[in-house]
Amino acid sequence: MFFGFVPLGTTTFGFPIQGTNSSRTPTAPDAAPTYRIYAAGATVALVTGTGPAGDTDSQTGWRMVTGLSITLGNGYAAGQTYFVRAAYAISAVAEVDIGCFVVT
């Protein structure tokens, strides 16, 4: 999923994580999902974190990560693409979602 173009200096960036089971049916994760953000070509995450434990707006499995600061001080650079890897489990089965955004 493409999360969009994000201006460098943004302090309120967020992205969704939609928990789904192996049939792609929206399903609440067993626990709060974790995420890692990588610069294109990087092998070490720039940022790691944990998403919210509860559903957003009563939508099954919908978790919204918010409040990330996309700044030079946090290691981001204009013109770079960043990849988000969100991981969670549903009924003890590992699931992963991938997304990306471009800093402008």
C-alpha atoms as a PDB file:
ATOM      1  CA  MET A   1       0.000   0.000   0.000  1.00  0.00           C
ATOM      2  CA  PHE A   2       1.276   3.474  -0.851  1.00  0.00           C
ATOM      3  CA  PHE A   3       0.809   5.860   2.100  1.00  0.00           C
ATOM      4  CA  GLY A   4       1.568   8.953   0.030  1.00  0.00           C
ATOM      5  CA  PHE A   5       4.041  11.795  -0.266  1.00  0.00           C
ATOM      6  CA  VAL A   6       5.057  13.162   3.136  1.00  0.00           C
ATOM      7  CA  PRO A   7       6.725  16.574   3.477  1.00  0.00           C
ATOM      8  CA  LEU A   8       9.966  16.526   5.454  1.00  0.00           C
ATOM      9  CA  GLY A   9       9.227  18.134   8.821  1.00  0.00           C
ATOM     10  CA  THR A  10       5.791  16.517   9.227  1.00  0.00           C
ATOM     11  CA  THR A  11       5.202  15.682  12.899  1.00  0.00           C
ATOM     12  CA  THR A  12       1.834  13.964  12.575  1.00  0.00           C
ATOM     13  CA  PHE A  13       2.437  11.209  10.005  1.00  0.00           C
ATOM     14  CA  GLY A  14       0.420   8.049  10.418  1.00  0.00           C
ATOM     15  CA  PHE A  15      -0.472   4.889   8.575  1.00  0.00           C
ATOM     16  CA  PRO A  16      -3.116   2.157   8.874  1.00  0.00           C
ATOM     17  CA  ILE A  17      -2.679  -1.501   9.662  1.00  0.00           C
ATOM     18  CA  GLN A  18      -5.623  -3.706   8.709  1.00  0.00           C
ATOM     19  CA  GLY A  19      -5.521  -7.068  10.439  1.00  0.00           C
ATOM     20  CA  THR A  20      -6.696  -9.853   8.158  1.00  0.00           C
ATOM     21  CA  ASN A  21      -6.681 -13.602   8.431  1.00  0.00           C
ATOM     22  CA  SER A  22      -5.349 -15.985   5.769  1.00  0.00           C
ATOM     23  CA  SER A  23      -8.635 -15.579   3.854  1.00  0.00           C
ATOM     24  CA  ARG A  24      -8.104 -11.768   3.877  1.00  0.00           C
ATOM     25  CA  THR A  25     -11.143 -11.268   6.122  1.00  0.00           C
ATOM     26  CA  PRO A  26     -10.754  -8.323   8.539  1.00  0.00           C
ATOM     27  CA  THR A  27      -9.801  -9.838  11.898  1.00  0.00           C
ATOM     28  CA  ALA A  28      -8.486  -8.339  15.124  1.00  0.00           C
ATOM     29  CA  PRO A  29      -4.834  -9.267  15.800  1.00  0.00           C
ATOM     30  CA  ASP A  30      -4.045 -11.362  18.873  1.00  0.00           C
ATOM     31  CA  ALA A  31      -1.994  -8.445  20.285  1.00  0.00           C
ATOM     32  CA  ALA A  32      -0.897  -4.970  19.277  1.00  0.00           C
ATOM     33  CA  PRO A  33       0.891  -5.051  15.899  1.00  0.00           C
ATOM     34  CA  THR A  34       4.534  -4.035  15.637  1.00  0.00           C
ATOM     35  CA  TYR A  35       6.072  -2.034  12.819  1.00  0.00           C
ATOM     36  CA  ARG A  36       9.499  -1.259  11.386  1.00  0.00           C
ATOM     37  CA  ILE A  37      10.345   1.529   8.925  1.00  0.00           C
ATOM     38  CA  TYR A  38      13.278   1.088   6.534  1.00  0.00           C
ATOM     39  CA  ALA A  39      14.881   3.483   4.062  1.00  0.00           C
ATOM     40  CA  ALA A  40      15.025   2.005   0.557  1.00  0.00           C
ATOM     41  CA  GLY A  41      17.969  -0.392   0.378  1.00  0.00           C
ATOM     42  CA  ALA A  42      18.553  -0.389   4.137  1.00  0.00           C
ATOM     43  CA  THR A  43      18.949  -3.589   6.131  1.00  0.00           C
ATOM     44  CA  VAL A  44      18.432  -1.976   9.539  1.00  0.00           C
ATOM     45  CA  ALA A  45      15.178  -0.315  10.583  1.00  0.00           C
ATOM     46  CA  LEU A  46      15.201   3.449  11.008  1.00  0.00           C
ATOM     47  CA  VAL A  47      12.209   3.289  13.367  1.00  0.00           C
ATOM     48  CA  THR A  48      10.490   0.490  15.275  1.00  0.00           C
ATOM     49  CA  GLY A  49       7.314   0.666  17.288  1.00  0.00           C
ATOM     50  CA  THR A  50       4.053  -0.862  18.402  1.00  0.00           C
ATOM     51  CA  GLY A  51       0.661   0.082  17.040  1.00  0.00           C
ATOM     52  CA  PRO A  52      -2.492   0.473  19.098  1.00  0.00           C
ATOM     53  CA  ALA A  53      -3.912  -2.605  20.805  1.00  0.00           C
ATOM     54  CA  GLY A  54      -7.561  -1.813  20.107  1.00  0.00           C
ATOM     55  CA  ASP A  55      -9.601  -1.356  16.962  1.00  0.00           C
ATOM     56  CA  THR A  56      -9.991   2.150  15.538  1.00  0.00           C
ATOM     57  CA  ASP A  57     -13.559   3.463  15.164  1.00  0.00           C
ATOM     58  CA  SER A  58     -15.006   0.024  15.990  1.00  0.00           C
ATOM     59  CA  GLN A  59     -13.683  -1.364  12.670  1.00  0.00           C
ATOM     60  CA  THR A  60     -12.545  -4.965  13.100  1.00  0.00           C
ATOM     61  CA  GLY A  61      -8.750  -5.255  12.934  1.00  0.00           C
ATOM     62  CA  TRP A  62      -8.243  -1.617  11.900  1.00  0.00           C
ATOM     63  CA  ARG A  63      -5.301  -0.050  13.758  1.00  0.00           C
ATOM     64  CA  MET A  64      -4.047   3.474  13.047  1.00  0.00           C
ATOM     65  CA  VAL A  65      -0.440   4.353  13.926  1.00  0.00           C
ATOM     66  CA  THR A  66      -0.185   8.133  14.414  1.00  0.00           C
ATOM     67  CA  GLY A  67       2.144  10.863  15.593  1.00  0.00           C
ATOM     68  CA  LEU A  68       5.352   9.901  13.796  1.00  0.00           C
ATOM     69  CA  SER A  69       7.797  12.760  13.152  1.00  0.00           C
ATOM     70  CA  ILE A  70       9.309  12.667   9.672  1.00  0.00           C
ATOM     71  CA  THR A  71      12.260  14.966  10.333  1.00  0.00           C
ATOM     72  CA  LEU A  72      15.979  15.203   9.536  1.00  0.00           C
ATOM     73  CA  GLY A  73      16.677  14.706  13.237  1.00  0.00           C
ATOM     74  CA  ASN A  74      14.909  11.356  13.109  1.00  0.00           C
ATOM     75  CA  GLY A  75      16.934  10.225  10.098  1.00  0.00           C
ATOM     76  CA  TYR A  76      14.549  10.961   7.224  1.00  0.00           C
ATOM     77  CA  ALA A  77      15.625  12.702   4.017  1.00  0.00           C
ATOM     78  CA  ALA A  78      13.722  14.350   1.184  1.00  0.00           C
ATOM     79  CA  GLY A  79      13.605  12.327  -2.023  1.00  0.00           C
ATOM     80  CA  GLN A  80      13.819   8.989  -0.213  1.00  0.00           C
ATOM     81  CA  THR A  81      11.337   6.135  -0.254  1.00  0.00           C
ATOM     82  CA  TYR A  82      10.630   4.376   3.040  1.00  0.00           C
ATOM     83  CA  PHE A  83       9.066   0.970   3.547  1.00  0.00           C
ATOM     84  CA  VAL A  84       6.825   0.029   6.467  1.00  0.00           C
ATOM     85  CA  ARG A  85       6.642  -3.583   7.625  1.00  0.00           C
ATOM     86  CA  ALA A  86       3.794  -4.281  10.030  1.00  0.00           C
ATOM     87  CA  ALA A  87       3.663  -7.664  11.772  1.00  0.00           C
ATOM     88  CA  TYR A  88       0.967  -9.261  13.881  1.00  0.00           C
ATOM     89  CA  ALA A  89      -0.567 -12.650  14.622  1.00  0.00           C
ATOM     90  CA  ILE A  90      -4.120 -13.855  14.149  1.00  0.00           C
ATOM     91  CA  SER A  91      -4.998 -17.083  15.946  1.00  0.00           C
ATOM     92  CA  ALA A  92      -1.238 -17.547  16.469  1.00  0.00           C
ATOM     93  CA  VAL A  93      -0.561 -17.389  12.703  1.00  0.00           C
ATOM     94  CA  ALA A  94       1.988 -14.744  11.694  1.00  0.00           C
ATOM     95  CA  GLU A  95       0.789 -12.083   9.238  1.00  0.00           C
ATOM     96  CA  VAL A  96       2.762  -9.244   7.627  1.00  0.00           C
ATOM     97  CA  ASP A  97       1.682  -6.122   5.728  1.00  0.00           C
ATOM     98  CA  ILE A  98       4.033  -3.940   3.669  1.00  0.00           C
ATOM     99  CA  GLY A  99       3.571  -0.302   2.711  1.00  0.00           C
ATOM    100  CA  CYS A 100       5.671   2.643   1.615  1.00  0.00           C
ATOM    101  CA  PHE A 101       5.819   6.436   1.525  1.00  0.00           C
ATOM    102  CA  VAL A 102       8.026   9.040  -0.124  1.00  0.00           C
ATOM    103  CA  VAL A 103       9.461  12.007   1.757  1.00  0.00           C
ATOM    104  CA  THR A 104       9.352  15.271  -0.207  1.00  0.00           C
END
